[in-house]
């Protein structure tokens, strides 16, 4: 199964990056920081630390996806025997797994040392919405991998699309509403903080994931020559 080697190599690559370790440390310290300082702020005193912890885990997962996108592109030789759909699914699952591994640094202390939860906060619904948000960002990244540009430019564009543009698309027009549904990966997570998400809402949340998957498949180029593994570039003699 090609998925496990991809995840293993991605994790190994990211573990060699000091910035990833710094992010993991900040995520691990987010829970005691929230418990200490969140009630003291004038603008944050009404927020609950549980919802803030899930928001921070979501952001940490996005960072993991952005950091893993360029190494994943270099691992194209591992996926050379897969079809377009299978390759995009593998990339999406691998990126979501990396996001979950980083997000756990924020969630594990919260669940291990957390206090009581508000009545409107449902752990099951919010965790499922959190994973769904990561899948949304991951499939956007998988679609962006079809775009042959510098890795840093691609990561910046993905971050801009999923983190900045949704805050700017708040108008009443149908175009802005459609664009918001395609880009706002955290919308389902925020909705889960107030109520248990209805089945119809879950179906709506899957729609942009399917749409981005279709975009990735449409721009896939199976006739391109496969990427070459780094070790294959060496002279075997």
C-alpha atoms as a PDB file:
ATOM      1  CA  UNK A   1       0.000   0.000   0.000  1.00  0.00           C
ATOM      2  CA  UNK A   2       1.616   3.230  -1.161  1.00  0.00           C
ATOM      3  CA  UNK A   3      -0.159   5.483   1.356  1.00  0.00           C
ATOM      4  CA  UNK A   4       1.857   4.313   4.378  1.00  0.00           C
ATOM      5  CA  UNK A   5       5.286   4.905   2.761  1.00  0.00           C
ATOM      6  CA  UNK A   6       4.147   8.365   1.670  1.00  0.00           C
ATOM      7  CA  UNK A   7       3.000   9.281   5.185  1.00  0.00           C
ATOM      8  CA  UNK A   8       6.170   7.841   6.710  1.00  0.00           C
ATOM      9  CA  UNK A   9       8.440   9.803   4.377  1.00  0.00           C
ATOM     10  CA  UNK A  10       6.422  12.977   4.820  1.00  0.00           C
ATOM     11  CA  UNK A  11       6.612  12.688   8.609  1.00  0.00           C
ATOM     12  CA  UNK A  12      10.338  11.952   8.461  1.00  0.00           C
ATOM     13  CA  UNK A  13      10.957  14.986   6.268  1.00  0.00           C
ATOM     14  CA  UNK A  14       8.974  17.314   8.517  1.00  0.00           C
ATOM     15  CA  UNK A  15      10.672  15.993  11.669  1.00  0.00           C
ATOM     16  CA  UNK A  16      13.951  17.339  10.291  1.00  0.00           C
ATOM     17  CA  UNK A  17      12.575  20.883  10.128  1.00  0.00           C
ATOM     18  CA  UNK A  18      13.068  23.047  13.249  1.00  0.00           C
ATOM     19  CA  UNK A  19      10.083  25.219  12.338  1.00  0.00           C
ATOM     20  CA  UNK A  20       7.789  22.185  12.593  1.00  0.00           C
ATOM     21  CA  UNK A  21       9.148  21.370  16.045  1.00  0.00           C
ATOM     22  CA  UNK A  22       8.591  24.994  17.089  1.00  0.00           C
ATOM     23  CA  UNK A  23       5.002  24.822  15.855  1.00  0.00           C
ATOM     24  CA  UNK A  24       4.429  21.558  17.750  1.00  0.00           C
ATOM     25  CA  UNK A  25       5.792  23.123  20.934  1.00  0.00           C
ATOM     26  CA  UNK A  26       3.560  26.175  20.562  1.00  0.00           C
ATOM     27  CA  UNK A  27       0.528  23.949  19.990  1.00  0.00           C
ATOM     28  CA  UNK A  28       1.350  21.875  23.077  1.00  0.00           C
ATOM     29  CA  UNK A  29       1.627  25.028  25.190  1.00  0.00           C
ATOM     30  CA  UNK A  30      -1.589  26.510  23.804  1.00  0.00           C
ATOM     31  CA  UNK A  31      -3.862  24.768  26.332  1.00  0.00           C
ATOM     32  CA  UNK A  32      -2.222  26.101  29.547  1.00  0.00           C
ATOM     33  CA  UNK A  33      -1.900  29.468  27.841  1.00  0.00           C
ATOM     34  CA  UNK A  34      -5.618  29.518  27.041  1.00  0.00           C
ATOM     35  CA  UNK A  35      -6.598  28.452  30.538  1.00  0.00           C
ATOM     36  CA  UNK A  36      -4.427  31.193  32.033  1.00  0.00           C
ATOM     37  CA  UNK A  37      -4.922  34.205  29.801  1.00  0.00           C
ATOM     38  CA  UNK A  38      -8.206  33.728  27.924  1.00  0.00           C
ATOM     39  CA  UNK A  39     -10.417  34.869  30.861  1.00  0.00           C
ATOM     40  CA  UNK A  40      -8.283  37.988  31.356  1.00  0.00           C
ATOM     41  CA  UNK A  41      -8.861  39.615  27.970  1.00  0.00           C
ATOM     42  CA  UNK A  42     -11.642  42.132  27.445  1.00  0.00           C
ATOM     43  CA  UNK A  43     -12.428  40.702  24.014  1.00  0.00           C
ATOM     44  CA  UNK A  44     -11.811  37.050  24.901  1.00  0.00           C
ATOM     45  CA  UNK A  45     -13.417  36.689  28.322  1.00  0.00           C
ATOM     46  CA  UNK A  46     -16.669  35.450  26.770  1.00  0.00           C
ATOM     47  CA  UNK A  47     -14.895  32.781  24.664  1.00  0.00           C
ATOM     48  CA  UNK A  48     -14.583  29.241  25.957  1.00  0.00           C
ATOM     49  CA  UNK A  49     -11.165  27.609  26.048  1.00  0.00           C
ATOM     50  CA  UNK A  50     -12.508  24.411  24.460  1.00  0.00           C
ATOM     51  CA  UNK A  51     -13.612  26.115  21.274  1.00  0.00           C
ATOM     52  CA  UNK A  52     -10.366  28.106  21.194  1.00  0.00           C
ATOM     53  CA  UNK A  53      -8.360  24.878  21.531  1.00  0.00           C
ATOM     54  CA  UNK A  54     -10.097  23.359  18.520  1.00  0.00           C
ATOM     55  CA  UNK A  55      -9.560  26.529  16.498  1.00  0.00           C
ATOM     56  CA  UNK A  56      -5.848  26.448  17.360  1.00  0.00           C
ATOM     57  CA  UNK A  57      -5.646  22.747  16.434  1.00  0.00           C
ATOM     58  CA  UNK A  58      -7.262  23.583  13.100  1.00  0.00           C
ATOM     59  CA  UNK A  59      -4.710  26.318  12.407  1.00  0.00           C
ATOM     60  CA  UNK A  60      -1.871  24.007  13.429  1.00  0.00           C
ATOM     61  CA  UNK A  61      -3.172  21.396  11.011  1.00  0.00           C
ATOM     62  CA  UNK A  62      -3.237  23.946   8.203  1.00  0.00           C
ATOM     63  CA  UNK A  63       0.406  24.759   8.925  1.00  0.00           C
ATOM     64  CA  UNK A  64       1.207  21.049   8.712  1.00  0.00           C
ATOM     65  CA  UNK A  65      -0.488  20.780   5.323  1.00  0.00           C
ATOM     66  CA  UNK A  66       1.353  23.820   3.977  1.00  0.00           C
ATOM     67  CA  UNK A  67       4.682  22.478   5.251  1.00  0.00           C
ATOM     68  CA  UNK A  68       4.055  19.033   3.744  1.00  0.00           C
ATOM     69  CA  UNK A  69       2.905  20.150   0.290  1.00  0.00           C
ATOM     70  CA  UNK A  70       6.345  20.721  -1.216  1.00  0.00           C
ATOM     71  CA  UNK A  71       7.860  17.451   0.139  1.00  0.00           C
ATOM     72  CA  UNK A  72       4.797  15.615  -1.144  1.00  0.00           C
ATOM     73  CA  UNK A  73       5.381  17.012  -4.624  1.00  0.00           C
ATOM     74  CA  UNK A  74       8.941  15.654  -4.564  1.00  0.00           C
ATOM     75  CA  UNK A  75       7.570  12.209  -3.695  1.00  0.00           C
ATOM     76  CA  UNK A  76       5.709  11.937  -6.985  1.00  0.00           C
ATOM     77  CA  UNK A  77       7.873   8.946  -7.918  1.00  0.00           C
ATOM     78  CA  UNK A  78       6.137   6.955  -5.158  1.00  0.00           C
ATOM     79  CA  UNK A  79       2.763   7.584  -6.798  1.00  0.00           C
ATOM     80  CA  UNK A  80       3.830   7.098 -10.413  1.00  0.00           C
ATOM     81  CA  UNK A  81       1.878   3.839 -10.811  1.00  0.00           C
ATOM     82  CA  UNK A  82      -1.413   5.275  -9.530  1.00  0.00           C
ATOM     83  CA  UNK A  83      -4.181   6.740 -11.649  1.00  0.00           C
ATOM     84  CA  UNK A  84      -5.223  10.371 -11.323  1.00  0.00           C
ATOM     85  CA  UNK A  85      -8.070   9.765  -8.870  1.00  0.00           C
ATOM     86  CA  UNK A  86      -6.121   7.322  -6.702  1.00  0.00           C
ATOM     87  CA  UNK A  87      -3.148   9.690  -6.594  1.00  0.00           C
ATOM     88  CA  UNK A  88      -5.252  12.663  -5.511  1.00  0.00           C
ATOM     89  CA  UNK A  89      -6.986  10.579  -2.837  1.00  0.00           C
ATOM     90  CA  UNK A  90      -3.603   9.392  -1.545  1.00  0.00           C
ATOM     91  CA  UNK A  91      -2.260  12.943  -1.431  1.00  0.00           C
ATOM     92  CA  UNK A  92      -5.368  14.192   0.363  1.00  0.00           C
ATOM     93  CA  UNK A  93      -5.288  11.436   2.978  1.00  0.00           C
ATOM     94  CA  UNK A  94      -1.542  11.877   3.542  1.00  0.00           C
ATOM     95  CA  UNK A  95      -1.871  15.636   4.039  1.00  0.00           C
ATOM     96  CA  UNK A  96      -4.862  15.168   6.355  1.00  0.00           C
ATOM     97  CA  UNK A  97      -2.859  12.688   8.424  1.00  0.00           C
ATOM     98  CA  UNK A  98      -0.005  15.175   8.811  1.00  0.00           C
ATOM     99  CA  UNK A  99      -2.527  17.839   9.851  1.00  0.00           C
ATOM    100  CA  UNK A 100      -4.032  15.498  12.438  1.00  0.00           C
ATOM    101  CA  UNK A 101      -0.617  14.619  13.870  1.00  0.00           C
ATOM    102  CA  UNK A 102       0.197  18.288  14.418  1.00  0.00           C
ATOM    103  CA  UNK A 103      -3.309  19.103  15.633  1.00  0.00           C
ATOM    104  CA  UNK A 104      -3.024  16.424  18.313  1.00  0.00           C
ATOM    105  CA  UNK A 105      -0.330  18.489  20.001  1.00  0.00           C
ATOM    106  CA  UNK A 106      -3.047  21.024  20.810  1.00  0.00           C
ATOM    107  CA  UNK A 107      -5.903  18.585  21.454  1.00  0.00           C
ATOM    108  CA  UNK A 108      -4.109  15.997  23.598  1.00  0.00           C
ATOM    109  CA  UNK A 109      -3.377  18.379  26.529  1.00  0.00           C
ATOM    110  CA  UNK A 110      -6.891  19.806  26.266  1.00  0.00           C
ATOM    111  CA  UNK A 111      -8.531  16.391  26.608  1.00  0.00           C
ATOM    112  CA  UNK A 112      -6.020  15.102  29.149  1.00  0.00           C
ATOM    113  CA  UNK A 113      -6.192  18.088  31.513  1.00  0.00           C
ATOM    114  CA  UNK A 114      -9.405  19.781  30.398  1.00  0.00           C
ATOM    115  CA  UNK A 115     -12.145  20.913  32.727  1.00  0.00           C
ATOM    116  CA  UNK A 116     -15.895  20.866  32.158  1.00  0.00           C
ATOM    117  CA  UNK A 117     -17.257  21.623  28.707  1.00  0.00           C
ATOM    118  CA  UNK A 118     -20.097  24.021  27.851  1.00  0.00           C
ATOM    119  CA  UNK A 119     -23.465  22.448  27.106  1.00  0.00           C
ATOM    120  CA  UNK A 120     -23.403  23.687  23.515  1.00  0.00           C
ATOM    121  CA  UNK A 121     -20.001  22.069  22.846  1.00  0.00           C
ATOM    122  CA  UNK A 122     -20.222  18.524  21.486  1.00  0.00           C
ATOM    123  CA  UNK A 123     -16.808  16.852  21.276  1.00  0.00           C
ATOM    124  CA  UNK A 124     -17.912  14.280  18.711  1.00  0.00           C
ATOM    125  CA  UNK A 125     -19.428  16.820  16.328  1.00  0.00           C
ATOM    126  CA  UNK A 126     -16.563  19.296  16.711  1.00  0.00           C
ATOM    127  CA  UNK A 127     -13.851  16.667  16.226  1.00  0.00           C
ATOM    128  CA  UNK A 128     -15.577  15.345  13.094  1.00  0.00           C
ATOM    129  CA  UNK A 129     -15.934  18.919  11.806  1.00  0.00           C
ATOM    130  CA  UNK A 130     -12.251  19.544  12.580  1.00  0.00           C
ATOM    131  CA  UNK A 131     -11.143  16.525  10.530  1.00  0.00           C
ATOM    132  CA  UNK A 132     -13.509  17.571   7.745  1.00  0.00           C
ATOM    133  CA  UNK A 133     -11.912  21.018   7.718  1.00  0.00           C
ATOM    134  CA  UNK A 134      -8.463  19.459   7.389  1.00  0.00           C
ATOM    135  CA  UNK A 135      -9.690  17.290   4.517  1.00  0.00           C
ATOM    136  CA  UNK A 136     -11.038  20.445   2.853  1.00  0.00           C
ATOM    137  CA  UNK A 137      -7.655  22.187   3.082  1.00  0.00           C
ATOM    138  CA  UNK A 138      -5.834  19.010   2.020  1.00  0.00           C
ATOM    139  CA  UNK A 139      -7.884  18.594  -1.154  1.00  0.00           C
ATOM    140  CA  UNK A 140      -7.303  22.269  -1.989  1.00  0.00           C
ATOM    141  CA  UNK A 141      -3.578  21.570  -1.620  1.00  0.00           C
ATOM    142  CA  UNK A 142      -3.910  18.439  -3.776  1.00  0.00           C
ATOM    143  CA  UNK A 143      -5.539  20.552  -6.488  1.00  0.00           C
ATOM    144  CA  UNK A 144      -2.770  23.151  -6.137  1.00  0.00           C
ATOM    145  CA  UNK A 145      -0.142  20.422  -6.650  1.00  0.00           C
ATOM    146  CA  UNK A 146      -1.307  20.289 -10.272  1.00  0.00           C
ATOM    147  CA  UNK A 147       0.010  23.871 -10.541  1.00  0.00           C
ATOM    148  CA  UNK A 148       3.684  23.824 -11.521  1.00  0.00           C
ATOM    149  CA  UNK A 149       5.082  26.735  -9.508  1.00  0.00           C
ATOM    150  CA  UNK A 150       7.611  27.255  -6.748  1.00  0.00           C
ATOM    151  CA  UNK A 151       6.676  25.403  -3.565  1.00  0.00           C
ATOM    152  CA  UNK A 152       6.769  28.521  -1.378  1.00  0.00           C
ATOM    153  CA  UNK A 153       4.496  30.389  -3.792  1.00  0.00           C
ATOM    154  CA  UNK A 154       2.060  27.472  -3.835  1.00  0.00           C
ATOM    155  CA  UNK A 155       1.967  27.246  -0.029  1.00  0.00           C
ATOM    156  CA  UNK A 156       1.400  31.000   0.250  1.00  0.00           C
ATOM    157  CA  UNK A 157      -1.467  30.840  -2.249  1.00  0.00           C
ATOM    158  CA  UNK A 158      -3.103  27.929  -0.402  1.00  0.00           C
ATOM    159  CA  UNK A 159      -2.817  29.758   2.921  1.00  0.00           C
ATOM    160  CA  UNK A 160      -4.218  32.920   1.367  1.00  0.00           C
ATOM    161  CA  UNK A 161      -7.143  31.007  -0.152  1.00  0.00           C
ATOM    162  CA  UNK A 162      -8.218  29.110   2.965  1.00  0.00           C
ATOM    163  CA  UNK A 163      -7.244  31.541   5.730  1.00  0.00           C
ATOM    164  CA  UNK A 164      -7.481  35.105   4.389  1.00  0.00           C
ATOM    165  CA  UNK A 165     -10.001  35.213   1.540  1.00  0.00           C
ATOM    166  CA  UNK A 166     -12.903  33.689   3.544  1.00  0.00           C
ATOM    167  CA  UNK A 167     -12.749  36.689   5.876  1.00  0.00           C
ATOM    168  CA  UNK A 168     -13.050  39.049   2.918  1.00  0.00           C
ATOM    169  CA  UNK A 169     -15.980  37.249   1.281  1.00  0.00           C
ATOM    170  CA  UNK A 170     -18.822  38.338   3.511  1.00  0.00           C
ATOM    171  CA  UNK A 171     -20.979  40.124   0.973  1.00  0.00           C
ATOM    172  CA  UNK A 172     -24.529  39.208  -0.029  1.00  0.00           C
ATOM    173  CA  UNK A 173     -23.807  38.398  -3.675  1.00  0.00           C
ATOM    174  CA  UNK A 174     -24.225  34.873  -4.989  1.00  0.00           C
ATOM    175  CA  UNK A 175     -20.629  34.860  -6.253  1.00  0.00           C
ATOM    176  CA  UNK A 176     -19.228  35.643  -2.811  1.00  0.00           C
ATOM    177  CA  UNK A 177     -21.479  33.035  -1.205  1.00  0.00           C
ATOM    178  CA  UNK A 178     -20.316  30.369  -3.667  1.00  0.00           C
ATOM    179  CA  UNK A 179     -16.659  31.354  -3.287  1.00  0.00           C
ATOM    180  CA  UNK A 180     -16.992  31.335   0.510  1.00  0.00           C
ATOM    181  CA  UNK A 181     -18.411  27.819   0.501  1.00  0.00           C
ATOM    182  CA  UNK A 182     -15.470  26.638  -1.627  1.00  0.00           C
ATOM    183  CA  UNK A 183     -12.764  28.321   0.459  1.00  0.00           C
ATOM    184  CA  UNK A 184     -14.030  28.487   4.054  1.00  0.00           C
ATOM    185  CA  UNK A 185     -12.667  25.200   5.399  1.00  0.00           C
ATOM    186  CA  UNK A 186     -13.358  26.168   9.010  1.00  0.00           C
ATOM    187  CA  UNK A 187     -17.039  27.009   8.597  1.00  0.00           C
ATOM    188  CA  UNK A 188     -18.288  23.573   9.659  1.00  0.00           C
ATOM    189  CA  UNK A 189     -16.011  23.610  12.708  1.00  0.00           C
ATOM    190  CA  UNK A 190     -17.341  26.984  13.866  1.00  0.00           C
ATOM    191  CA  UNK A 191     -20.911  25.821  13.329  1.00  0.00           C
ATOM    192  CA  UNK A 192     -20.262  22.751  15.482  1.00  0.00           C
ATOM    193  CA  UNK A 193     -19.501  24.914  18.521  1.00  0.00           C
ATOM    194  CA  UNK A 194     -23.147  25.933  18.911  1.00  0.00           C
ATOM    195  CA  UNK A 195     -25.113  22.818  18.004  1.00  0.00           C
ATOM    196  CA  UNK A 196     -24.822  19.248  16.862  1.00  0.00           C
ATOM    197  CA  UNK A 197     -24.615  19.488  13.093  1.00  0.00           C
ATOM    198  CA  UNK A 198     -27.633  18.150  11.258  1.00  0.00           C
ATOM    199  CA  UNK A 199     -27.264  15.555   8.521  1.00  0.00           C
ATOM    200  CA  UNK A 200     -28.122  18.089   5.825  1.00  0.00           C
ATOM    201  CA  UNK A 201     -25.321  20.361   7.013  1.00  0.00           C
ATOM    202  CA  UNK A 202     -22.808  17.506   6.767  1.00  0.00           C
ATOM    203  CA  UNK A 203     -23.864  16.879   3.164  1.00  0.00           C
ATOM    204  CA  UNK A 204     -23.368  20.564   2.388  1.00  0.00           C
ATOM    205  CA  UNK A 205     -19.933  20.473   4.041  1.00  0.00           C
ATOM    206  CA  UNK A 206     -18.807  17.658   1.741  1.00  0.00           C
ATOM    207  CA  UNK A 207     -19.813  19.552  -1.416  1.00  0.00           C
ATOM    208  CA  UNK A 208     -16.705  21.810  -1.646  1.00  0.00           C
ATOM    209  CA  UNK A 209     -14.438  18.816  -0.977  1.00  0.00           C
ATOM    210  CA  UNK A 210     -15.979  16.984  -3.917  1.00  0.00           C
ATOM    211  CA  UNK A 211     -15.724  20.139  -6.050  1.00  0.00           C
ATOM    212  CA  UNK A 212     -12.003  20.620  -5.305  1.00  0.00           C
ATOM    213  CA  UNK A 213     -11.408  16.930  -5.936  1.00  0.00           C
ATOM    214  CA  UNK A 214     -13.036  17.320  -9.348  1.00  0.00           C
ATOM    215  CA  UNK A 215     -10.795  20.315 -10.074  1.00  0.00           C
ATOM    216  CA  UNK A 216      -7.717  18.293  -9.132  1.00  0.00           C
ATOM    217  CA  UNK A 217      -8.769  15.406 -11.374  1.00  0.00           C
ATOM    218  CA  UNK A 218      -9.567  17.774 -14.249  1.00  0.00           C
ATOM    219  CA  UNK A 219      -6.092  19.332 -14.127  1.00  0.00           C
ATOM    220  CA  UNK A 220      -4.215  16.088 -13.528  1.00  0.00           C
ATOM    221  CA  UNK A 221      -1.785  15.210 -16.272  1.00  0.00           C
ATOM    222  CA  UNK A 222      -1.276  11.452 -16.299  1.00  0.00           C
ATOM    223  CA  UNK A 223       0.882  11.639 -19.424  1.00  0.00           C
ATOM    224  CA  UNK A 224       3.535  13.711 -17.645  1.00  0.00           C
ATOM    225  CA  UNK A 225       6.775  11.806 -16.968  1.00  0.00           C
ATOM    226  CA  UNK A 226       6.937  10.692 -13.329  1.00  0.00           C
ATOM    227  CA  UNK A 227       9.148  12.492 -10.870  1.00  0.00           C
ATOM    228  CA  UNK A 228      12.472  10.765 -10.219  1.00  0.00           C
ATOM    229  CA  UNK A 229      13.466   9.655  -6.762  1.00  0.00           C
ATOM    230  CA  UNK A 230      16.484  11.428  -5.302  1.00  0.00           C
ATOM    231  CA  UNK A 231      18.454   8.212  -4.953  1.00  0.00           C
ATOM    232  CA  UNK A 232      17.780   7.360  -8.612  1.00  0.00           C
ATOM    233  CA  UNK A 233      19.779  10.410  -9.709  1.00  0.00           C
ATOM    234  CA  UNK A 234      23.004   8.907  -8.446  1.00  0.00           C
ATOM    235  CA  UNK A 235      25.320   6.920 -10.685  1.00  0.00           C
ATOM    236  CA  UNK A 236      24.786   3.247  -9.731  1.00  0.00           C
ATOM    237  CA  UNK A 237      28.493   2.628 -10.329  1.00  0.00           C
END
